[in-house]
Amino acid sequence: MTIAPSAADHLVIGGGPAGSMAAIWLAAAGRDVVLIERERAARHKVCGEFLSCEAVHYLHQFGIDPRDLGAESIRALHLSSGNTVVTEQLPFQALSLSRRVLDEALLQHARQAGCCVLRGAAVESVTLSGNIKPGAGGWTAVLANGAAIRAQTVFLATGKHDIHGFHRSPCRQSDLIGFKLYWQLDPAAILALRGFMDLFLFPGGYGGLSLVENSAANLCLVVRRSVLRKLSGWPALLASIRTANRHFGQLLSGAQPLWPRPLAISPIPYGFLGPHPRGLWCIGDQAAVIPSFTGDGVSIALHSAALAAEACLAGADICTYNRALHTQLRRSMSIATWLSRAAVTNFGRILATSALSLFPAAIETIARVTRIPQAALIDGVGIGVGVGTGEGAHARTRI
């Protein structure tokens, strides 16, 4: 068991994609980093597990290739509602990999990069402490076992879960409940799904179905709380979706769930984009939560972590980082949240199905405008990360 040090340059709370990426980025610059993850082993999360080209960009910088971990390729999209199915190529090639595998790979990489990784440790409180270095303030994190760690800076990467004393501001869409369940599909359905992300609409919600490693199918969806209440729970909800959406029902015909019950999460703070008070570097879902249909959640987690780490290394303050992140994400977040709010209404679902049936190329446009701008992506050059500088490489962003 790793013993918690009493002090470090940087403390990262949370071992998901955002936390691990920030820890790796800082360690690559020679900083002393402690990462705290409350779970002893990586576990499954309620997540669509879609890795866009932006996410792959960041993973490749540190020598992590999702394909080596068993990731499935995604080249096109099916959008279904009722009896209608629209098919369109994605404007980029994406991958799909379970969060359990991805999170474990990133945590192992953080340890190899020189980070002190504490697993199975929960943070009880984070408070401002006295000066650790002459002329500089610091923070003290107290763990559940009573240990205390002092750090100059704290990166908050606890996902959709807030910690005591640091709560996010209200978001634009918070009436949804998320579910996730893996399935073993019929061989014909696996063949039909391979290479595709299936987005499906149903009364009161929407979801996605895609293959991850070992040909398991990840079913992840969100539904309005009022709709779930009327249906009296998960079994009735699933039955109603299979009836309401013919394409979805066909894919799940003969399928067997791989878990006895789905994972669930609520509330989901879609549309959240805001600075966190009192001096913590908020990254991942603690900085921004984009609706899941965009498939950009993991990308934003990795990007916000890289942007915050770069700002910290450059001596910029948290407000500067927040402004940069807001500028980069405000447009895509607004569009995605508006579309998400519309999709869970009957009128919006019917309108979207009709419009996309007539203009399927609109799917590509939506995919483009709900992504992190390419010009905002950061390369790790200058901090000891071996990144290519050939054609297509992005310039290192300056804060």
Protein backbone atom coordinates (compact mmCIF):
# COMPACT_ATOMS: atom_id res chain seq x y z
CA MET A 1 0.00 0.00 0.00
CA THR A 2 1.33 3.45 -0.95
CA ILE A 3 1.88 5.73 2.04
CA ALA A 4 0.54 9.26 1.61
CA PRO A 5 3.28 11.90 1.56
CA SER A 6 2.83 14.93 3.78
CA ALA A 7 3.38 17.48 1.00
CA ALA A 8 3.56 17.85 -2.78
CA ASP A 9 3.67 20.54 -5.45
CA HIS A 10 0.28 19.51 -6.84
CA LEU A 11 -2.58 17.44 -5.50
CA VAL A 12 -5.08 15.88 -7.93
CA ILE A 13 -8.36 14.63 -6.46
CA GLY A 14 -9.97 12.03 -8.72
CA GLY A 15 -8.47 9.34 -10.94
CA GLY A 16 -10.69 9.49 -14.01
CA PRO A 17 -9.48 10.73 -17.42
CA ALA A 18 -9.24 14.37 -16.29
CA GLY A 19 -7.39 13.68 -13.06
CA SER A 20 -4.95 11.22 -14.58
CA MET A 21 -4.23 13.47 -17.57
CA ALA A 22 -3.50 16.48 -15.31
CA ALA A 23 -1.22 14.35 -13.12
CA ILE A 24 0.66 12.93 -16.11
CA TRP A 25 1.02 16.36 -17.73
CA LEU A 26 2.41 17.93 -14.55
CA ALA A 27 4.74 15.01 -13.83
CA ALA A 28 6.08 15.20 -17.40
CA ALA A 29 7.15 18.75 -16.57
CA GLY A 30 9.08 17.50 -13.55
CA ARG A 31 6.58 18.46 -10.87
CA ASP A 32 5.91 16.52 -7.66
CA VAL A 33 2.33 15.23 -7.98
CA VAL A 34 0.02 13.23 -5.71
CA LEU A 35 -3.16 11.76 -7.22
CA ILE A 36 -5.92 10.50 -4.93
CA GLU A 37 -8.54 8.07 -6.23
CA ARG A 38 -11.25 6.87 -3.84
CA GLU A 39 -11.73 3.47 -5.53
CA ARG A 40 -9.14 0.74 -5.02
CA ALA A 41 -9.68 -0.57 -8.55
CA ALA A 42 -11.00 1.03 -11.71
CA ARG A 43 -14.71 0.44 -12.09
CA HIS A 44 -17.43 0.93 -14.65
CA LYS A 45 -19.01 4.39 -14.94
CA VAL A 46 -22.24 5.68 -16.45
CA CYS A 47 -20.59 6.85 -19.65
CA GLY A 48 -21.11 6.49 -23.40
CA GLU A 49 -17.40 5.51 -23.68
CA PHE A 50 -16.97 7.32 -26.99
CA LEU A 51 -13.44 8.48 -27.80
CA SER A 52 -13.47 11.16 -30.47
CA CYS A 53 -10.40 12.17 -32.44
CA GLU A 54 -9.75 14.92 -29.87
CA ALA A 55 -9.60 12.38 -27.04
CA VAL A 56 -7.32 10.12 -29.07
CA HIS A 57 -5.09 13.15 -29.77
CA TYR A 58 -4.38 13.56 -26.06
CA LEU A 59 -3.98 9.85 -25.34
CA HIS A 60 -1.50 9.41 -28.18
CA GLN A 61 0.71 12.18 -26.77
CA PHE A 62 1.59 9.97 -23.84
CA GLY A 63 1.92 6.76 -25.78
CA ILE A 64 -1.54 5.40 -24.97
CA ASP A 65 -3.22 3.79 -27.98
CA PRO A 66 -6.80 2.72 -27.19
CA ARG A 67 -6.60 0.11 -29.96
CA ASP A 68 -3.92 -1.70 -27.99
CA LEU A 69 -6.46 -1.91 -25.15
CA GLY A 70 -9.10 -3.47 -27.38
CA ALA A 71 -11.03 -0.35 -28.47
CA GLU A 72 -13.57 -0.73 -31.27
CA SER A 73 -13.53 1.64 -34.27
CA ILE A 74 -16.52 3.85 -35.02
CA ARG A 75 -16.83 5.36 -38.49
CA ALA A 76 -20.53 6.11 -38.87
CA LEU A 77 -23.71 6.88 -37.01
CA HIS A 78 -27.22 5.42 -36.96
CA LEU A 79 -29.90 7.75 -35.60
CA SER A 80 -33.23 6.05 -34.98
CA SER A 81 -36.65 7.09 -33.75
CA GLY A 82 -39.88 5.15 -34.09
CA ASN A 83 -39.64 3.31 -37.42
CA THR A 84 -37.10 5.74 -38.91
CA VAL A 85 -33.34 5.14 -39.19
CA VAL A 86 -30.92 7.71 -40.61
CA THR A 87 -27.32 6.70 -41.43
CA GLU A 88 -24.43 9.13 -41.87
CA GLN A 89 -20.64 8.94 -41.85
CA LEU A 90 -18.91 10.72 -38.99
CA PRO A 91 -16.57 13.58 -39.97
CA PHE A 92 -13.80 11.75 -38.09
CA GLN A 93 -12.92 8.23 -37.00
CA ALA A 94 -13.69 7.53 -33.37
CA LEU A 95 -13.11 4.68 -30.94
CA SER A 96 -15.10 3.06 -28.14
CA LEU A 97 -13.47 1.67 -25.01
CA SER A 98 -14.85 0.90 -21.57
CA ARG A 99 -14.09 3.41 -18.87
CA ARG A 100 -12.82 0.68 -16.58
CA VAL A 101 -10.08 -0.21 -19.04
CA LEU A 102 -9.31 3.40 -19.99
CA ASP A 103 -9.20 4.66 -16.41
CA GLU A 104 -6.91 1.82 -15.33
CA ALA A 105 -4.53 2.44 -18.22
CA LEU A 106 -4.33 6.16 -17.39
CA LEU A 107 -3.77 5.52 -13.68
CA GLN A 108 -0.98 3.08 -14.44
CA HIS A 109 0.57 5.61 -16.81
CA ALA A 110 0.38 8.29 -14.11
CA ARG A 111 2.27 6.03 -11.73
CA GLN A 112 4.88 5.28 -14.39
CA ALA A 113 5.26 9.01 -15.03
CA GLY A 114 6.36 9.45 -11.42
CA CYS A 115 3.10 10.45 -9.73
CA CYS A 116 2.33 9.18 -6.26
CA VAL A 117 -1.02 7.45 -6.81
CA LEU A 118 -3.13 6.76 -3.71
CA ARG A 119 -6.00 4.38 -4.41
CA GLY A 120 -8.81 3.55 -2.03
CA ALA A 121 -8.36 6.92 -0.31
CA ALA A 122 -11.19 9.42 0.16
CA VAL A 123 -10.75 13.14 0.68
CA GLU A 124 -12.83 14.46 3.58
CA SER A 125 -12.00 18.14 3.27
CA VAL A 126 -9.82 20.64 1.45
CA THR A 127 -8.93 23.89 3.18
CA LEU A 128 -6.52 26.77 2.74
CA SER A 129 -3.45 26.28 4.87
CA GLY A 130 -0.49 28.40 5.87
CA ASN A 131 2.39 29.12 3.54
CA ILE A 132 4.25 26.03 2.40
CA LYS A 133 6.93 27.95 0.55
CA PRO A 134 8.06 31.54 1.20
CA GLY A 135 5.61 33.94 -0.38
CA ALA A 136 3.17 31.24 -1.49
CA GLY A 137 -0.09 29.96 -0.05
CA GLY A 138 -1.21 26.38 -0.07
CA TRP A 139 -3.93 23.85 0.63
CA THR A 140 -4.38 21.00 3.07
CA ALA A 141 -6.42 17.93 2.14
CA VAL A 142 -7.52 15.67 4.98
CA LEU A 143 -8.20 12.03 4.07
CA ALA A 144 -10.76 9.72 5.64
CA ASN A 145 -7.98 7.88 7.50
CA GLY A 146 -6.84 11.13 9.12
CA ALA A 147 -3.76 11.68 6.96
CA ALA A 148 -3.15 15.21 5.74
CA ILE A 149 -1.45 16.30 2.52
CA ARG A 150 -0.31 19.86 1.87
CA ALA A 151 -0.02 21.12 -1.70
CA GLN A 152 0.57 24.38 -3.50
CA THR A 153 -2.28 23.70 -5.92
CA VAL A 154 -5.28 21.36 -5.99
CA PHE A 155 -6.88 19.99 -9.16
CA LEU A 156 -10.47 18.90 -8.60
CA ALA A 157 -11.40 15.99 -10.89
CA THR A 158 -14.15 14.19 -9.00
CA GLY A 159 -16.45 13.84 -12.01
CA LYS A 160 -20.13 14.51 -11.42
CA HIS A 161 -19.68 14.13 -7.65
CA ASP A 162 -18.95 17.25 -5.60
CA ILE A 163 -16.84 17.24 -2.46
CA HIS A 164 -17.87 18.85 0.81
CA GLY A 165 -17.65 22.62 0.66
CA PHE A 166 -17.19 22.83 -3.12
CA HIS A 167 -20.48 22.60 -4.95
CA ARG A 168 -21.15 23.54 -8.55
CA SER A 169 -23.58 26.23 -9.58
CA PRO A 170 -26.97 25.31 -11.12
CA CYS A 171 -26.93 23.93 -14.67
CA ARG A 172 -29.24 24.24 -17.66
CA GLN A 173 -30.64 20.70 -17.70
CA SER A 174 -30.77 18.66 -14.51
CA ASP A 175 -33.99 16.64 -14.73
CA LEU A 176 -32.38 13.55 -16.27
CA ILE A 177 -31.40 10.16 -14.89
CA GLY A 178 -28.63 8.20 -16.59
CA PHE A 179 -28.43 4.41 -16.97
CA LYS A 180 -25.75 2.09 -18.29
CA LEU A 181 -25.83 -1.66 -18.92
CA TYR A 182 -23.60 -3.98 -20.97
CA TRP A 183 -25.20 -6.55 -23.26
CA GLN A 184 -24.09 -9.61 -25.17
CA LEU A 185 -25.82 -9.18 -28.51
CA ASP A 186 -26.87 -11.78 -31.01
CA PRO A 187 -24.01 -12.43 -33.54
CA ALA A 188 -26.01 -10.81 -36.35
CA ALA A 189 -26.61 -7.71 -34.21
CA ILE A 190 -22.89 -7.49 -33.37
CA LEU A 191 -22.08 -7.53 -37.06
CA ALA A 192 -24.72 -4.85 -37.76
CA LEU A 193 -23.43 -2.62 -34.94
CA ARG A 194 -19.70 -2.96 -35.62
CA GLY A 195 -18.25 0.33 -36.85
CA PHE A 196 -21.34 2.29 -35.79
CA MET A 197 -22.53 4.40 -32.92
CA ASP A 198 -26.27 3.91 -32.63
CA LEU A 199 -28.08 6.95 -31.22
CA PHE A 200 -31.74 6.33 -30.49
CA LEU A 201 -34.58 8.63 -29.47
CA PHE A 202 -37.58 7.59 -27.43
CA PRO A 203 -40.35 9.41 -25.55
CA GLY A 204 -38.69 11.34 -22.74
CA GLY A 205 -35.06 10.56 -23.51
CA TYR A 206 -32.28 9.36 -25.77
CA GLY A 207 -29.33 7.00 -25.64
CA GLY A 208 -26.49 5.28 -27.42
CA LEU A 209 -25.42 1.72 -28.16
CA SER A 210 -21.92 0.80 -29.30
CA LEU A 211 -19.43 -2.02 -29.03
CA VAL A 212 -16.48 -1.86 -26.66
CA GLU A 213 -13.68 -4.38 -26.13
CA ASN A 214 -14.54 -8.08 -26.34
CA SER A 215 -17.63 -7.22 -28.45
CA ALA A 216 -19.71 -6.24 -25.42
CA ALA A 217 -22.37 -3.66 -26.28
CA ASN A 218 -22.56 -0.58 -24.08
CA LEU A 219 -26.12 0.69 -23.67
CA CYS A 220 -26.12 4.15 -22.10
CA LEU A 221 -29.17 6.40 -21.97
CA VAL A 222 -30.77 9.34 -20.21
CA VAL A 223 -34.45 9.77 -19.42
CA ARG A 224 -36.53 12.48 -17.83
CA ARG A 225 -37.27 11.79 -14.19
CA SER A 226 -41.02 12.31 -14.70
CA VAL A 227 -41.10 9.70 -17.49
CA LEU A 228 -39.24 7.12 -15.41
CA ARG A 229 -41.59 7.75 -12.50
CA LYS A 230 -44.63 7.07 -14.68
CA LEU A 231 -43.08 3.83 -15.95
CA SER A 232 -42.20 2.67 -12.44
CA GLY A 233 -38.56 1.81 -13.02
CA TRP A 234 -35.94 0.32 -15.32
CA PRO A 235 -37.64 -2.88 -16.63
CA ALA A 236 -40.69 -0.98 -17.81
CA LEU A 237 -38.52 1.79 -19.29
CA LEU A 238 -36.45 -0.69 -21.30
CA ALA A 239 -39.58 -2.45 -22.53
CA SER A 240 -41.13 0.83 -23.61
CA ILE A 241 -38.02 1.87 -25.55
CA ARG A 242 -37.87 -1.46 -27.36
CA THR A 243 -41.50 -0.99 -28.36
CA ALA A 244 -41.20 2.68 -29.30
CA ASN A 245 -37.97 2.35 -31.32
CA ARG A 246 -38.05 -0.46 -33.85
CA HIS A 247 -34.33 -0.37 -34.76
CA PHE A 248 -33.28 -0.45 -31.11
CA GLY A 249 -35.66 -3.31 -30.44
CA GLN A 250 -34.18 -5.34 -33.31
CA LEU A 251 -30.62 -4.84 -32.05
CA LEU A 252 -31.57 -6.09 -28.59
CA SER A 253 -33.57 -9.04 -29.89
CA GLY A 254 -32.02 -12.17 -28.37
CA ALA A 255 -29.51 -10.09 -26.38
CA GLN A 256 -28.53 -10.98 -22.82
CA PRO A 257 -27.63 -8.40 -20.15
CA LEU A 258 -24.15 -8.90 -18.71
CA TRP A 259 -25.10 -7.38 -15.35
CA PRO A 260 -28.13 -8.13 -13.18
CA ARG A 261 -29.07 -4.43 -13.09
CA PRO A 262 -27.87 -1.20 -14.72
CA LEU A 263 -25.69 1.46 -13.19
CA ALA A 264 -27.54 4.72 -12.58
CA ILE A 265 -26.67 8.34 -11.85
CA SER A 266 -28.70 11.44 -11.05
CA PRO A 267 -28.77 14.34 -11.35
CA ILE A 268 -26.71 14.87 -14.49
CA PRO A 269 -25.66 18.53 -14.70
CA TYR A 270 -25.87 18.95 -18.49
CA GLY A 271 -24.91 22.40 -19.64
CA PHE A 272 -22.74 23.18 -16.62
CA LEU A 273 -19.88 25.50 -17.55
CA GLY A 274 -18.54 27.68 -14.82
CA PRO A 275 -15.61 28.59 -12.62
CA HIS A 276 -15.33 26.92 -9.26
CA PRO A 277 -14.95 29.21 -6.23
CA ARG A 278 -12.10 29.42 -3.77
CA GLY A 279 -9.07 28.66 -5.81
CA LEU A 280 -9.27 25.04 -7.01
CA TRP A 281 -8.35 24.07 -10.58
CA CYS A 282 -11.59 22.39 -11.70
CA ILE A 283 -11.25 19.95 -14.59
CA GLY A 284 -13.37 17.34 -16.33
CA ASP A 285 -17.01 17.32 -15.22
CA GLN A 286 -16.10 19.73 -12.44
CA ALA A 287 -15.44 22.30 -15.17
CA ALA A 288 -17.93 21.43 -17.92
CA VAL A 289 -20.62 18.79 -18.54
CA ILE A 290 -21.74 18.48 -22.14
CA PRO A 291 -24.78 16.37 -23.08
CA SER A 292 -23.74 12.80 -23.76
CA PHE A 293 -25.12 12.55 -27.31
CA THR A 294 -22.17 14.64 -28.52
CA GLY A 295 -19.65 11.97 -27.47
CA ASP A 296 -17.31 14.75 -26.34
CA GLY A 297 -17.32 14.19 -22.58
CA VAL A 298 -14.01 12.29 -22.41
CA SER A 299 -12.43 14.75 -24.85
CA ILE A 300 -13.41 17.70 -22.66
CA ALA A 301 -12.09 15.90 -19.59
CA LEU A 302 -8.69 15.37 -21.20
CA HIS A 303 -8.59 18.82 -22.79
CA SER A 304 -9.56 20.72 -19.64
CA ALA A 305 -6.88 18.81 -17.73
CA ALA A 306 -4.21 19.66 -20.29
CA LEU A 307 -5.31 23.30 -20.45
CA ALA A 308 -5.31 23.68 -16.66
CA ALA A 309 -1.94 21.96 -16.27
CA GLU A 310 -0.41 24.17 -18.97
CA ALA A 311 -1.84 27.30 -17.35
CA CYS A 312 -0.50 26.26 -13.97
CA LEU A 313 2.95 25.48 -15.38
CA ALA A 314 2.99 28.84 -17.16
CA GLY A 315 2.23 30.67 -13.92
CA ALA A 316 -1.24 31.78 -15.03
CA ASP A 317 -4.05 32.03 -12.50
CA ILE A 318 -7.25 30.02 -12.35
CA CYS A 319 -9.38 32.85 -13.74
CA THR A 320 -7.23 32.92 -16.87
CA TYR A 321 -7.72 29.18 -17.32
CA ASN A 322 -11.46 29.47 -16.77
CA ARG A 323 -11.79 32.25 -19.33
CA ALA A 324 -9.84 30.26 -21.92
CA LEU A 325 -11.94 27.13 -21.36
CA HIS A 326 -15.19 29.09 -21.51
CA THR A 327 -14.17 30.76 -24.75
CA GLN A 328 -13.38 27.39 -26.31
CA LEU A 329 -16.49 25.53 -25.11
CA ARG A 330 -19.27 28.12 -24.81
CA ARG A 331 -20.60 27.73 -28.36
CA SER A 332 -20.57 23.94 -28.48
CA MET A 333 -22.01 23.69 -24.96
CA SER A 334 -24.90 26.03 -25.78
CA ILE A 335 -25.79 24.20 -29.00
CA ALA A 336 -25.51 20.75 -27.41
CA THR A 337 -27.62 21.67 -24.39
CA TRP A 338 -30.33 23.23 -26.54
CA LEU A 339 -30.47 20.09 -28.70
CA SER A 340 -30.53 17.85 -25.62
CA ARG A 341 -33.40 19.75 -24.05
CA ALA A 342 -35.34 19.56 -27.31
CA ALA A 343 -34.64 15.84 -27.86
CA VAL A 344 -36.37 14.76 -24.64
CA THR A 345 -39.64 16.47 -25.62
CA ASN A 346 -42.16 14.83 -27.94
CA PHE A 347 -42.22 17.80 -30.30
CA GLY A 348 -38.43 17.99 -30.45
CA ARG A 349 -38.07 14.26 -31.06
CA ILE A 350 -40.59 14.29 -33.91
CA LEU A 351 -39.08 17.42 -35.44
CA ALA A 352 -35.54 16.03 -35.24
CA THR A 353 -36.55 12.75 -36.85
CA SER A 354 -38.31 14.51 -39.73
CA ALA A 355 -35.53 17.05 -40.28
CA LEU A 356 -32.69 14.52 -40.20
CA SER A 357 -34.59 12.17 -42.50
CA LEU A 358 -34.77 14.96 -45.08
CA PHE A 359 -31.28 16.31 -44.44
CA PRO A 360 -29.06 13.50 -43.09
CA ALA A 361 -25.95 15.61 -43.74
CA ALA A 362 -27.09 17.74 -40.80
CA ILE A 363 -25.78 14.98 -38.55
CA GLU A 364 -22.24 15.75 -39.69
CA THR A 365 -22.79 19.45 -39.08
CA ILE A 366 -24.07 18.79 -35.55
CA ALA A 367 -21.08 16.53 -34.88
CA ARG A 368 -18.70 19.31 -35.94
CA VAL A 369 -20.26 22.21 -34.04
CA THR A 370 -20.51 20.30 -30.73
CA ARG A 371 -16.78 19.50 -30.54
CA ILE A 372 -13.74 21.18 -29.03
CA PRO A 373 -12.33 23.52 -31.71
CA GLN A 374 -9.33 21.94 -33.40
CA ALA A 375 -7.32 25.12 -32.93
CA ALA A 376 -7.77 24.83 -29.16
CA LEU A 377 -6.10 21.43 -28.82
CA ILE A 378 -2.77 21.42 -27.04
CA ASP A 379 0.42 19.55 -27.84
CA GLY A 380 2.72 18.48 -25.07
CA VAL A 381 5.86 19.83 -26.74
CA GLY A 382 8.13 21.66 -24.36
CA ILE A 383 7.33 19.51 -21.32
CA GLY A 384 9.25 16.41 -22.28
CA VAL A 385 6.43 14.68 -24.14
CA GLY A 386 7.44 13.09 -27.41
CA VAL A 387 4.93 14.63 -29.80
CA GLY A 388 5.39 14.65 -33.53
CA THR A 389 5.71 18.02 -35.24
CA GLY A 390 4.84 16.92 -38.75
CA GLU A 391 1.94 18.03 -40.87
CA GLY A 392 -1.30 18.15 -38.95
CA ALA A 393 0.30 18.62 -35.55
CA HIS A 394 -1.37 21.32 -33.48
CA ALA A 395 0.59 24.27 -32.22
CA ARG A 396 1.00 24.42 -28.47
CA THR A 397 -1.69 26.66 -27.06
CA ARG A 398 -0.51 29.61 -24.99
CA ILE A 399 -2.66 30.79 -22.11
